[in-house]
Amino acid sequence: MTTDNNDDQANESADARKWVDDAQAALDRTVEAMRSAWDATRESRMSALESAKQAAQELGRVLDKGVAAARDRWATDEVENAHSQEATGPAEQSEPDVESPDQT
């Protein structure tokens, strides 16, 4: 009976090694397929990155123009406000509204 037991253990050990070898081979094929897919998409990824870079640069230029236009507008508003205050004099101080007490 001892030889049957040893044969069973040897078969189980061989089966386990076979399973590990099969799993490793499948993993190696998966890694190679992923590497090939990654390398195949390199050009499109680089193109997309360049497009994104150009779009970001264009956005920066548009934002700079918007900031410049806002500054010009604010400067114009400040000049107009200064001229209107000179023409009318200082703003009149109005007394704060005082609510009358409720009469019930």
PDB file of N, CA and C in Angstrom:
ATOM      1  N   MET A   1       0.789  -1.188   0.000  1.00  0.00           N
ATOM      2  CA  MET A   1       0.000   0.000   0.000  1.00  0.00           C
ATOM      3  C   MET A   1       0.835   1.258   0.000  1.00  0.00           C
ATOM      4  N   THR A   2       2.002   1.155   0.495  1.00  0.00           N
ATOM      5  CA  THR A   2       2.880   2.308   0.557  1.00  0.00           C
ATOM      6  C   THR A   2       3.245   2.778  -0.846  1.00  0.00           C
ATOM      7  N   THR A   3       3.466   1.896  -1.754  1.00  0.00           N
ATOM      8  CA  THR A   3       3.805   2.307  -3.108  1.00  0.00           C
ATOM      9  C   THR A   3       2.634   2.992  -3.789  1.00  0.00           C
ATOM     10  N   ASP A   4       1.411   2.527  -3.516  1.00  0.00           N
ATOM     11  CA  ASP A   4       0.245   3.201  -4.085  1.00  0.00           C
ATOM     12  C   ASP A   4       0.157   4.635  -3.556  1.00  0.00           C
ATOM     13  N   ASN A   5       0.417   4.801  -2.287  1.00  0.00           N
ATOM     14  CA  ASN A   5       0.384   6.116  -1.655  1.00  0.00           C
ATOM     15  C   ASN A   5       1.472   7.003  -2.254  1.00  0.00           C
ATOM     16  N   ASN A   6       2.671   6.491  -2.447  1.00  0.00           N
ATOM     17  CA  ASN A   6       3.765   7.260  -3.036  1.00  0.00           C
ATOM     18  C   ASN A   6       3.455   7.618  -4.486  1.00  0.00           C
ATOM     19  N   ASP A   7       2.841   6.677  -5.232  1.00  0.00           N
ATOM     20  CA  ASP A   7       2.479   6.943  -6.626  1.00  0.00           C
ATOM     21  C   ASP A   7       1.421   8.057  -6.697  1.00  0.00           C
ATOM     22  N   ASP A   8       0.449   8.025  -5.774  1.00  0.00           N
ATOM     23  CA  ASP A   8      -0.586   9.060  -5.747  1.00  0.00           C
ATOM     24  C   ASP A   8       0.021  10.431  -5.463  1.00  0.00           C
ATOM     25  N   GLN A   9       0.964  10.462  -4.513  1.00  0.00           N
ATOM     26  CA  GLN A   9       1.613  11.729  -4.178  1.00  0.00           C
ATOM     27  C   GLN A   9       2.454  12.222  -5.350  1.00  0.00           C
ATOM     28  N   ALA A  10       3.108  11.331  -6.035  1.00  0.00           N
ATOM     29  CA  ALA A  10       3.922  11.709  -7.186  1.00  0.00           C
ATOM     30  C   ALA A  10       3.030  12.249  -8.299  1.00  0.00           C
ATOM     31  N   ASN A  11       1.889  11.603  -8.523  1.00  0.00           N
ATOM     32  CA  ASN A  11       0.960  12.061  -9.545  1.00  0.00           C
ATOM     33  C   ASN A  11       0.381  13.424  -9.188  1.00  0.00           C
ATOM     34  N   GLU A  12       0.025  13.604  -7.907  1.00  0.00           N
ATOM     35  CA  GLU A  12      -0.496  14.903  -7.467  1.00  0.00           C
ATOM     36  C   GLU A  12       0.559  15.986  -7.623  1.00  0.00           C
ATOM     37  N   SER A  13       1.797  15.674  -7.307  1.00  0.00           N
ATOM     38  CA  SER A  13       2.882  16.630  -7.431  1.00  0.00           C
ATOM     39  C   SER A  13       3.105  16.978  -8.902  1.00  0.00           C
ATOM     40  N   ALA A  14       3.063  16.003  -9.774  1.00  0.00           N
ATOM     41  CA  ALA A  14       3.237  16.239 -11.209  1.00  0.00           C
ATOM     42  C   ALA A  14       2.071  17.077 -11.737  1.00  0.00           C
ATOM     43  N   ASP A  15       0.845  16.770 -11.274  1.00  0.00           N
ATOM     44  CA  ASP A  15      -0.327  17.547 -11.692  1.00  0.00           C
ATOM     45  C   ASP A  15      -0.204  19.001 -11.230  1.00  0.00           C
ATOM     46  N   ALA A  16       0.264  19.198 -10.003  1.00  0.00           N
ATOM     47  CA  ALA A  16       0.431  20.548  -9.479  1.00  0.00           C
ATOM     48  C   ALA A  16       1.475  21.307 -10.295  1.00  0.00           C
ATOM     49  N   ARG A  17       2.595  20.653 -10.627  1.00  0.00           N
ATOM     50  CA  ARG A  17       3.630  21.303 -11.435  1.00  0.00           C
ATOM     51  C   ARG A  17       3.089  21.640 -12.819  1.00  0.00           C
ATOM     52  N   LYS A  18       2.303  20.724 -13.385  1.00  0.00           N
ATOM     53  CA  LYS A  18       1.716  20.956 -14.702  1.00  0.00           C
ATOM     54  C   LYS A  18       0.781  22.163 -14.649  1.00  0.00           C
ATOM     55  N   TRP A  19      -0.027  22.247 -13.590  1.00  0.00           N
ATOM     56  CA  TRP A  19      -0.946  23.376 -13.443  1.00  0.00           C
ATOM     57  C   TRP A  19      -0.174  24.684 -13.322  1.00  0.00           C
ATOM     58  N   VAL A  20       0.884  24.696 -12.520  1.00  0.00           N
ATOM     59  CA  VAL A  20       1.700  25.896 -12.348  1.00  0.00           C
ATOM     60  C   VAL A  20       2.350  26.280 -13.667  1.00  0.00           C
ATOM     61  N   ASP A  21       2.872  25.292 -14.395  1.00  0.00           N
ATOM     62  CA  ASP A  21       3.499  25.580 -15.688  1.00  0.00           C
ATOM     63  C   ASP A  21       2.473  26.148 -16.675  1.00  0.00           C
ATOM     64  N   ASP A  22       1.268  25.561 -16.698  1.00  0.00           N
ATOM     65  CA  ASP A  22       0.210  26.054 -17.589  1.00  0.00           C
ATOM     66  C   ASP A  22      -0.202  27.484 -17.215  1.00  0.00           C
ATOM     67  N   ALA A  23      -0.331  27.734 -15.925  1.00  0.00           N
ATOM     68  CA  ALA A  23      -0.706  29.072 -15.462  1.00  0.00           C
ATOM     69  C   ALA A  23       0.376  30.080 -15.819  1.00  0.00           C
ATOM     70  N   GLN A  24       1.633  29.707 -15.639  1.00  0.00           N
ATOM     71  CA  GLN A  24       2.741  30.615 -15.970  1.00  0.00           C
ATOM     72  C   GLN A  24       2.771  30.895 -17.470  1.00  0.00           C
ATOM     73  N   ALA A  25       2.546  29.884 -18.286  1.00  0.00           N
ATOM     74  CA  ALA A  25       2.532  30.071 -19.737  1.00  0.00           C
ATOM     75  C   ALA A  25       1.386  30.999 -20.149  1.00  0.00           C
ATOM     76  N   ALA A  26       0.222  30.812 -19.554  1.00  0.00           N
ATOM     77  CA  ALA A  26      -0.913  31.677 -19.856  1.00  0.00           C
ATOM     78  C   ALA A  26      -0.637  33.105 -19.421  1.00  0.00           C
ATOM     79  N   LEU A  27      -0.031  33.265 -18.274  1.00  0.00           N
ATOM     80  CA  LEU A  27       0.325  34.602 -17.786  1.00  0.00           C
ATOM     81  C   LEU A  27       1.344  35.254 -18.711  1.00  0.00           C
ATOM     82  N   ASP A  28       2.325  34.512 -19.149  1.00  0.00           N
ATOM     83  CA  ASP A  28       3.337  35.050 -20.069  1.00  0.00           C
ATOM     84  C   ASP A  28       2.699  35.502 -21.384  1.00  0.00           C
ATOM     85  N   ARG A  29       1.765  34.691 -21.913  1.00  0.00           N
ATOM     86  CA  ARG A  29       1.080  35.070 -23.151  1.00  0.00           C
ATOM     87  C   ARG A  29       0.241  36.336 -22.943  1.00  0.00           C
ATOM     88  N   THR A  30      -0.400  36.444 -21.786  1.00  0.00           N
ATOM     89  CA  THR A  30      -1.212  37.629 -21.486  1.00  0.00           C
ATOM     90  C   THR A  30      -0.334  38.872 -21.405  1.00  0.00           C
ATOM     91  N   VAL A  31       0.792  38.766 -20.732  1.00  0.00           N
ATOM     92  CA  VAL A  31       1.713  39.910 -20.613  1.00  0.00           C
ATOM     93  C   VAL A  31       2.226  40.316 -21.989  1.00  0.00           C
ATOM     94  N   GLU A  32       2.582  39.363 -22.805  1.00  0.00           N
ATOM     95  CA  GLU A  32       3.080  39.671 -24.145  1.00  0.00           C
ATOM     96  C   GLU A  32       1.998  40.328 -24.995  1.00  0.00           C
ATOM     97  N   ALA A  33       0.764  39.839 -24.889  1.00  0.00           N
ATOM     98  CA  ALA A  33      -0.339  40.445 -25.642  1.00  0.00           C
ATOM     99  C   ALA A  33      -0.586  41.875 -25.193  1.00  0.00           C
ATOM    100  N   MET A  34      -0.531  42.101 -23.895  1.00  0.00           N
ATOM    101  CA  MET A  34      -0.733  43.460 -23.374  1.00  0.00           C
ATOM    102  C   MET A  34       0.403  44.383 -23.808  1.00  0.00           C
ATOM    103  N   ARG A  35       1.611  43.872 -23.784  1.00  0.00           N
ATOM    104  CA  ARG A  35       2.758  44.679 -24.211  1.00  0.00           C
ATOM    105  C   ARG A  35       2.623  45.038 -25.690  1.00  0.00           C
ATOM    106  N   SER A  36       2.217  44.080 -26.497  1.00  0.00           N
ATOM    107  CA  SER A  36       2.032  44.341 -27.931  1.00  0.00           C
ATOM    108  C   SER A  36       0.934  45.376 -28.157  1.00  0.00           C
ATOM    109  N   ALA A  37      -0.170  45.238 -27.430  1.00  0.00           N
ATOM    110  CA  ALA A  37      -1.265  46.193 -27.565  1.00  0.00           C
ATOM    111  C   ALA A  37      -0.822  47.591 -27.142  1.00  0.00           C
ATOM    112  N   TRP A  38      -0.083  47.678 -26.070  1.00  0.00           N
ATOM    113  CA  TRP A  38       0.409  48.971 -25.583  1.00  0.00           C
ATOM    114  C   TRP A  38       1.338  49.611 -26.609  1.00  0.00           C
ATOM    115  N   ASP A  39       2.259  48.814 -27.144  1.00  0.00           N
ATOM    116  CA  ASP A  39       3.191  49.339 -28.141  1.00  0.00           C
ATOM    117  C   ASP A  39       2.464  49.753 -29.420  1.00  0.00           C
ATOM    118  N   ALA A  40       1.433  49.009 -29.796  1.00  0.00           N
ATOM    119  CA  ALA A  40       0.684  49.324 -31.017  1.00  0.00           C
ATOM    120  C   ALA A  40      -0.077  50.638 -30.884  1.00  0.00           C
ATOM    121  N   THR A  41      -0.449  51.007 -29.681  1.00  0.00           N
ATOM    122  CA  THR A  41      -1.218  52.246 -29.491  1.00  0.00           C
ATOM    123  C   THR A  41      -0.327  53.440 -29.153  1.00  0.00           C
ATOM    124  N   ARG A  42       0.974  53.253 -29.157  1.00  0.00           N
ATOM    125  CA  ARG A  42       1.888  54.327 -28.780  1.00  0.00           C
ATOM    126  C   ARG A  42       1.692  55.557 -29.660  1.00  0.00           C
ATOM    127  N   GLU A  43       1.625  55.341 -30.958  1.00  0.00           N
ATOM    128  CA  GLU A  43       1.505  56.472 -31.885  1.00  0.00           C
ATOM    129  C   GLU A  43       0.208  57.248 -31.642  1.00  0.00           C
ATOM    130  N   SER A  44      -0.895  56.539 -31.442  1.00  0.00           N
ATOM    131  CA  SER A  44      -2.161  57.247 -31.212  1.00  0.00           C
ATOM    132  C   SER A  44      -2.147  57.952 -29.859  1.00  0.00           C
ATOM    133  N   ARG A  45      -1.503  57.362 -28.856  1.00  0.00           N
ATOM    134  CA  ARG A  45      -1.408  58.039 -27.553  1.00  0.00           C
ATOM    135  C   ARG A  45      -0.562  59.293 -27.669  1.00  0.00           C
ATOM    136  N   MET A  46       0.533  59.219 -28.417  1.00  0.00           N
ATOM    137  CA  MET A  46       1.394  60.390 -28.589  1.00  0.00           C
ATOM    138  C   MET A  46       0.650  61.488 -29.359  1.00  0.00           C
ATOM    139  N   SER A  47      -0.123  61.093 -30.364  1.00  0.00           N
ATOM    140  CA  SER A  47      -0.903  62.062 -31.130  1.00  0.00           C
ATOM    141  C   SER A  47      -1.957  62.732 -30.251  1.00  0.00           C
ATOM    142  N   ALA A  48      -2.631  61.946 -29.436  1.00  0.00           N
ATOM    143  CA  ALA A  48      -3.646  62.496 -28.531  1.00  0.00           C
ATOM    144  C   ALA A  48      -2.998  63.447 -27.522  1.00  0.00           C
ATOM    145  N   LEU A  49      -1.836  63.090 -27.026  1.00  0.00           N
ATOM    146  CA  LEU A  49      -1.134  63.952 -26.077  1.00  0.00           C
ATOM    147  C   LEU A  49      -0.736  65.271 -26.732  1.00  0.00           C
ATOM    148  N   GLU A  50      -0.270  65.218 -27.970  1.00  0.00           N
ATOM    149  CA  GLU A  50       0.102  66.441 -28.680  1.00  0.00           C
ATOM    150  C   GLU A  50      -1.125  67.316 -28.909  1.00  0.00           C
ATOM    151  N   SER A  51      -2.254  66.703 -29.273  1.00  0.00           N
ATOM    152  CA  SER A  51      -3.492  67.469 -29.464  1.00  0.00           C
ATOM    153  C   SER A  51      -3.931  68.133 -28.165  1.00  0.00           C
ATOM    154  N   ALA A  52      -3.840  67.413 -27.072  1.00  0.00           N
ATOM    155  CA  ALA A  52      -4.210  67.974 -25.767  1.00  0.00           C
ATOM    156  C   ALA A  52      -3.288  69.131 -25.401  1.00  0.00           C
ATOM    157  N   LYS A  53      -2.019  68.985 -25.699  1.00  0.00           N
ATOM    158  CA  LYS A  53      -1.044  70.046 -25.405  1.00  0.00           C
ATOM    159  C   LYS A  53      -1.381  71.307 -26.211  1.00  0.00           C
ATOM    160  N   GLN A  54      -1.688  71.136 -27.485  1.00  0.00           N
ATOM    161  CA  GLN A  54      -2.038  72.286 -28.324  1.00  0.00           C
ATOM    162  C   GLN A  54      -3.326  72.946 -27.847  1.00  0.00           C
ATOM    163  N   ALA A  55      -4.302  72.144 -27.458  1.00  0.00           N
ATOM    164  CA  ALA A  55      -5.562  72.705 -26.961  1.00  0.00           C
ATOM    165  C   ALA A  55      -5.332  73.490 -25.672  1.00  0.00           C
ATOM    166  N   ALA A  56      -4.476  72.975 -24.792  1.00  0.00           N
ATOM    167  CA  ALA A  56      -4.179  73.685 -23.539  1.00  0.00           C
ATOM    168  C   ALA A  56      -3.470  75.008 -23.825  1.00  0.00           C
ATOM    169  N   GLN A  57      -2.568  75.011 -24.801  1.00  0.00           N
ATOM    170  CA  GLN A  57      -1.884  76.255 -25.154  1.00  0.00           C
ATOM    171  C   GLN A  57      -2.866  77.276 -25.729  1.00  0.00           C
ATOM    172  N   GLU A  58      -3.781  76.813 -26.577  1.00  0.00           N
ATOM    173  CA  GLU A  58      -4.793  77.704 -27.142  1.00  0.00           C
ATOM    174  C   GLU A  58      -5.691  78.258 -26.037  1.00  0.00           C
ATOM    175  N   LEU A  59      -6.064  77.409 -25.102  1.00  0.00           N
ATOM    176  CA  LEU A  59      -6.873  77.867 -23.969  1.00  0.00           C
ATOM    177  C   LEU A  59      -6.122  78.948 -23.196  1.00  0.00           C
ATOM    178  N   GLY A  60      -4.835  78.767 -22.980  1.00  0.00           N
ATOM    179  CA  GLY A  60      -4.031  79.773 -22.282  1.00  0.00           C
ATOM    180  C   GLY A  60      -4.044  81.109 -23.013  1.00  0.00           C
ATOM    181  N   ARG A  61      -3.916  81.062 -24.354  1.00  0.00           N
ATOM    182  CA  ARG A  61      -3.939  82.311 -25.127  1.00  0.00           C
ATOM    183  C   ARG A  61      -5.304  82.990 -25.026  1.00  0.00           C
ATOM    184  N   VAL A  62      -6.374  82.205 -25.110  1.00  0.00           N
ATOM    185  CA  VAL A  62      -7.723  82.770 -25.023  1.00  0.00           C
ATOM    186  C   VAL A  62      -7.960  83.374 -23.637  1.00  0.00           C
ATOM    187  N   LEU A  63      -7.513  82.681 -22.591  1.00  0.00           N
ATOM    188  CA  LEU A  63      -7.667  83.226 -21.235  1.00  0.00           C
ATOM    189  C   LEU A  63      -6.881  84.517 -21.073  1.00  0.00           C
ATOM    190  N   ASP A  64      -5.670  84.577 -21.627  1.00  0.00           N
ATOM    191  CA  ASP A  64      -4.881  85.817 -21.555  1.00  0.00           C
ATOM    192  C   ASP A  64      -5.615  86.966 -22.230  1.00  0.00           C
ATOM    193  N   LYS A  65      -6.230  86.699 -23.385  1.00  0.00           N
ATOM    194  CA  LYS A  65      -6.995  87.750 -24.072  1.00  0.00           C
ATOM    195  C   LYS A  65      -8.188  88.191 -23.235  1.00  0.00           C
ATOM    196  N   GLY A  66      -8.857  87.224 -22.612  1.00  0.00           N
ATOM    197  CA  GLY A  66     -10.006  87.555 -21.769  1.00  0.00           C
ATOM    198  C   GLY A  66      -9.613  88.405 -20.571  1.00  0.00           C
ATOM    199  N   VAL A  67      -8.488  88.071 -19.953  1.00  0.00           N
ATOM    200  CA  VAL A  67      -8.005  88.847 -18.806  1.00  0.00           C
ATOM    201  C   VAL A  67      -7.637  90.256 -19.255  1.00  0.00           C
ATOM    202  N   ALA A  68      -6.977  90.378 -20.405  1.00  0.00           N
ATOM    203  CA  ALA A  68      -6.611  91.699 -20.911  1.00  0.00           C
ATOM    204  C   ALA A  68      -7.859  92.526 -21.205  1.00  0.00           C
ATOM    205  N   ALA A  69      -8.874  91.913 -21.807  1.00  0.00           N
ATOM    206  CA  ALA A  69     -10.115  92.634 -22.106  1.00  0.00           C
ATOM    207  C   ALA A  69     -10.802  93.069 -20.812  1.00  0.00           C
ATOM    208  N   ALA A  70     -10.806  92.217 -19.813  1.00  0.00           N
ATOM    209  CA  ALA A  70     -11.428  92.572 -18.528  1.00  0.00           C
ATOM    210  C   ALA A  70     -10.683  93.725 -17.881  1.00  0.00           C
ATOM    211  N   ARG A  71      -9.362  93.697 -17.924  1.00  0.00           N
ATOM    212  CA  ARG A  71      -8.580  94.807 -17.343  1.00  0.00           C
ATOM    213  C   ARG A  71      -8.881  96.120 -18.055  1.00  0.00           C
ATOM    214  N   ASP A  72      -8.956  96.069 -19.389  1.00  0.00           N
ATOM    215  CA  ASP A  72      -9.284  97.288 -20.140  1.00  0.00           C
ATOM    216  C   ASP A  72     -10.659  97.800 -19.745  1.00  0.00           C
ATOM    217  N   ARG A  73     -11.603  96.886 -19.614  1.00  0.00           N
ATOM    218  CA  ARG A  73     -12.969  97.278 -19.249  1.00  0.00           C
ATOM    219  C   ARG A  73     -13.001  97.900 -17.863  1.00  0.00           C
ATOM    220  N   TRP A  74     -12.308  97.276 -16.915  1.00  0.00           N
ATOM    221  CA  TRP A  74     -12.275  97.817 -15.561  1.00  0.00           C
ATOM    222  C   TRP A  74     -11.598  99.183 -15.530  1.00  0.00           C
ATOM    223  N   ALA A  75     -10.534  99.325 -16.290  1.00  0.00           N
ATOM    224  CA  ALA A  75      -9.832 100.616 -16.325  1.00  0.00           C
ATOM    225  C   ALA A  75     -10.755 101.691 -16.903  1.00  0.00           C
ATOM    226  N   THR A  76     -11.488 101.360 -17.951  1.00  0.00           N
ATOM    227  CA  THR A  76     -12.429 102.308 -18.560  1.00  0.00           C
ATOM    228  C   THR A  76     -13.518 102.674 -17.567  1.00  0.00           C
ATOM    229  N   ASP A  77     -14.053 101.680 -16.862  1.00  0.00           N
ATOM    230  CA  ASP A  77     -15.092 101.946 -15.863  1.00  0.00           C
ATOM    231  C   ASP A  77     -14.570 102.854 -14.753  1.00  0.00           C
ATOM    232  N   GLU A  78     -13.336 102.619 -14.312  1.00  0.00           N
ATOM    233  CA  GLU A  78     -12.769 103.454 -13.242  1.00  0.00           C
ATOM    234  C   GLU A  78     -12.602 104.891 -13.707  1.00  0.00           C
ATOM    235  N   VAL A  79     -12.160 105.089 -14.945  1.00  0.00           N
ATOM    236  CA  VAL A  79     -11.991 106.443 -15.477  1.00  0.00           C
ATOM    237  C   VAL A  79     -13.350 107.134 -15.587  1.00  0.00           C
ATOM    238  N   GLU A  80     -14.348 106.411 -16.094  1.00  0.00           N
ATOM    239  CA  GLU A  80     -15.689 107.001 -16.224  1.00  0.00           C
ATOM    240  C   GLU A  80     -16.255 107.346 -14.857  1.00  0.00           C
ATOM    241  N   ASN A  81     -16.075 106.486 -13.873  1.00  0.00           N
ATOM    242  CA  ASN A  81     -16.563 106.768 -12.520  1.00  0.00           C
ATOM    243  C   ASN A  81     -15.858 107.978 -11.926  1.00  0.00           C
ATOM    244  N   ALA A  82     -14.575 108.100 -12.161  1.00  0.00           N
ATOM    245  CA  ALA A  82     -13.827 109.246 -11.633  1.00  0.00           C
ATOM    246  C   ALA A  82     -14.329 110.537 -12.270  1.00  0.00           C
ATOM    247  N   HIS A  83     -14.584 110.530 -13.571  1.00  0.00           N
ATOM    248  CA  HIS A  83     -15.082 111.733 -14.255  1.00  0.00           C
ATOM    249  C   HIS A  83     -16.485 112.092 -13.788  1.00  0.00           C
ATOM    250  N   SER A  84     -17.316 111.106 -13.582  1.00  0.00           N
ATOM    251  CA  SER A  84     -18.683 111.421 -13.155  1.00  0.00           C
ATOM    252  C   SER A  84     -18.688 111.949 -11.720  1.00  0.00           C
ATOM    253  N   GLN A  85     -17.799 111.474 -10.863  1.00  0.00           N
ATOM    254  CA  GLN A  85     -17.740 111.996  -9.498  1.00  0.00           C
ATOM    255  C   GLN A  85     -17.191 113.420  -9.482  1.00  0.00           C
ATOM    256  N   GLU A  86     -16.270 113.723 -10.380  1.00  0.00           N
ATOM    257  CA  GLU A  86     -15.740 115.084 -10.445  1.00  0.00           C
ATOM    258  C   GLU A  86     -16.833 116.047 -10.906  1.00  0.00           C
ATOM    259  N   ALA A  87     -17.675 115.603 -11.829  1.00  0.00           N
ATOM    260  CA  ALA A  87     -18.720 116.467 -12.379  1.00  0.00           C
ATOM    261  C   ALA A  87     -19.841 116.700 -11.372  1.00  0.00           C
ATOM    262  N   THR A  88     -20.173 115.713 -10.582  1.00  0.00           N
ATOM    263  CA  THR A  88     -21.305 115.855  -9.668  1.00  0.00           C
ATOM    264  C   THR A  88     -20.885 116.168  -8.252  1.00  0.00           C
ATOM    265  N   GLY A  89     -19.651 116.046  -7.936  1.00  0.00           N
ATOM    266  CA  GLY A  89     -19.208 116.270  -6.574  1.00  0.00           C
ATOM    267  C   GLY A  89     -19.309 114.981  -5.786  1.00  0.00           C
ATOM    268  N   PRO A  90     -18.917 115.029  -4.552  1.00  0.00           N
ATOM    269  CA  PRO A  90     -18.973 113.814  -3.753  1.00  0.00           C
ATOM    270  C   PRO A  90     -20.406 113.328  -3.599  1.00  0.00           C
ATOM    271  N   ALA A  91     -20.544 112.049  -3.465  1.00  0.00           N
ATOM    272  CA  ALA A  91     -21.887 111.466  -3.304  1.00  0.00           C
ATOM    273  C   ALA A  91     -22.514 111.991  -2.030  1.00  0.00           C
ATOM    274  N   GLU A  92     -23.815 112.291  -2.102  1.00  0.00           N
ATOM    275  CA  GLU A  92     -24.507 112.801  -0.931  1.00  0.00           C
ATOM    276  C   GLU A  92     -24.680 111.701   0.088  1.00  0.00           C
ATOM    277  N   GLN A  93     -24.532 112.092   1.328  1.00  0.00           N
ATOM    278  CA  GLN A  93     -24.735 111.140   2.419  1.00  0.00           C
ATOM    279  C   GLN A  93     -26.224 111.140   2.731  1.00  0.00           C
ATOM    280  N   SER A  94     -26.831 110.005   2.680  1.00  0.00           N
ATOM    281  CA  SER A  94     -28.247 109.940   3.052  1.00  0.00           C
ATOM    282  C   SER A  94     -28.330 109.325   4.435  1.00  0.00           C
ATOM    283  N   GLU A  95     -29.331 109.780   5.155  1.00  0.00           N
ATOM    284  CA  GLU A  95     -29.509 109.250   6.497  1.00  0.00           C
ATOM    285  C   GLU A  95     -30.050 107.836   6.386  1.00  0.00           C
ATOM    286  N   PRO A  96     -29.636 106.990   7.285  1.00  0.00           N
ATOM    287  CA  PRO A  96     -30.141 105.617   7.218  1.00  0.00           C
ATOM    288  C   PRO A  96     -31.634 105.597   7.497  1.00  0.00           C
ATOM    289  N   ASP A  97     -32.313 104.697   6.855  1.00  0.00           N
ATOM    290  CA  ASP A  97     -33.753 104.560   7.078  1.00  0.00           C
ATOM    291  C   ASP A  97     -33.985 104.038   8.486  1.00  0.00           C
ATOM    292  N   VAL A  98     -34.845 104.748   9.192  1.00  0.00           N
ATOM    293  CA  VAL A  98     -35.194 104.321  10.538  1.00  0.00           C
ATOM    294  C   VAL A  98     -36.638 103.874  10.492  1.00  0.00           C
ATOM    295  N   GLU A  99     -36.857 102.669  10.856  1.00  0.00           N
ATOM    296  CA  GLU A  99     -38.223 102.166  10.840  1.00  0.00           C
ATOM    297  C   GLU A  99     -38.970 102.690  12.050  1.00  0.00           C
ATOM    298  N   SER A 100     -40.192 103.058  11.832  1.00  0.00           N
ATOM    299  CA  SER A 100     -40.986 103.505  12.960  1.00  0.00           C
ATOM    300  C   SER A 100     -41.491 102.300  13.726  1.00  0.00           C
ATOM    301  N   PRO A 101     -41.626 102.461  15.025  1.00  0.00           N
ATOM    302  CA  PRO A 101     -42.115 101.329  15.823  1.00  0.00           C
ATOM    303  C   PRO A 101     -43.523 100.954  15.420  1.00  0.00           C
ATOM    304  N   ASP A 102     -43.808  99.695  15.502  1.00  0.00           N
ATOM    305  CA  ASP A 102     -45.147  99.212  15.179  1.00  0.00           C
ATOM    306  C   ASP A 102     -46.155  99.790  16.155  1.00  0.00           C
ATOM    307  N   GLN A 103     -47.238 100.265  15.617  1.00  0.00           N
ATOM    308  CA  GLN A 103     -48.297 100.764  16.501  1.00  0.00           C
ATOM    309  C   GLN A 103     -49.414  99.736  16.480  1.00  0.00           C
ATOM    310  N   THR A 104     -49.660  99.139  17.611  1.00  0.00           N
ATOM    311  CA  THR A 104     -50.704  98.133  17.708  1.00  0.00           C
ATOM    312  C   THR A 104     -51.753  98.512  18.689  1.00  0.00           C
TER     313      THR A 104
END
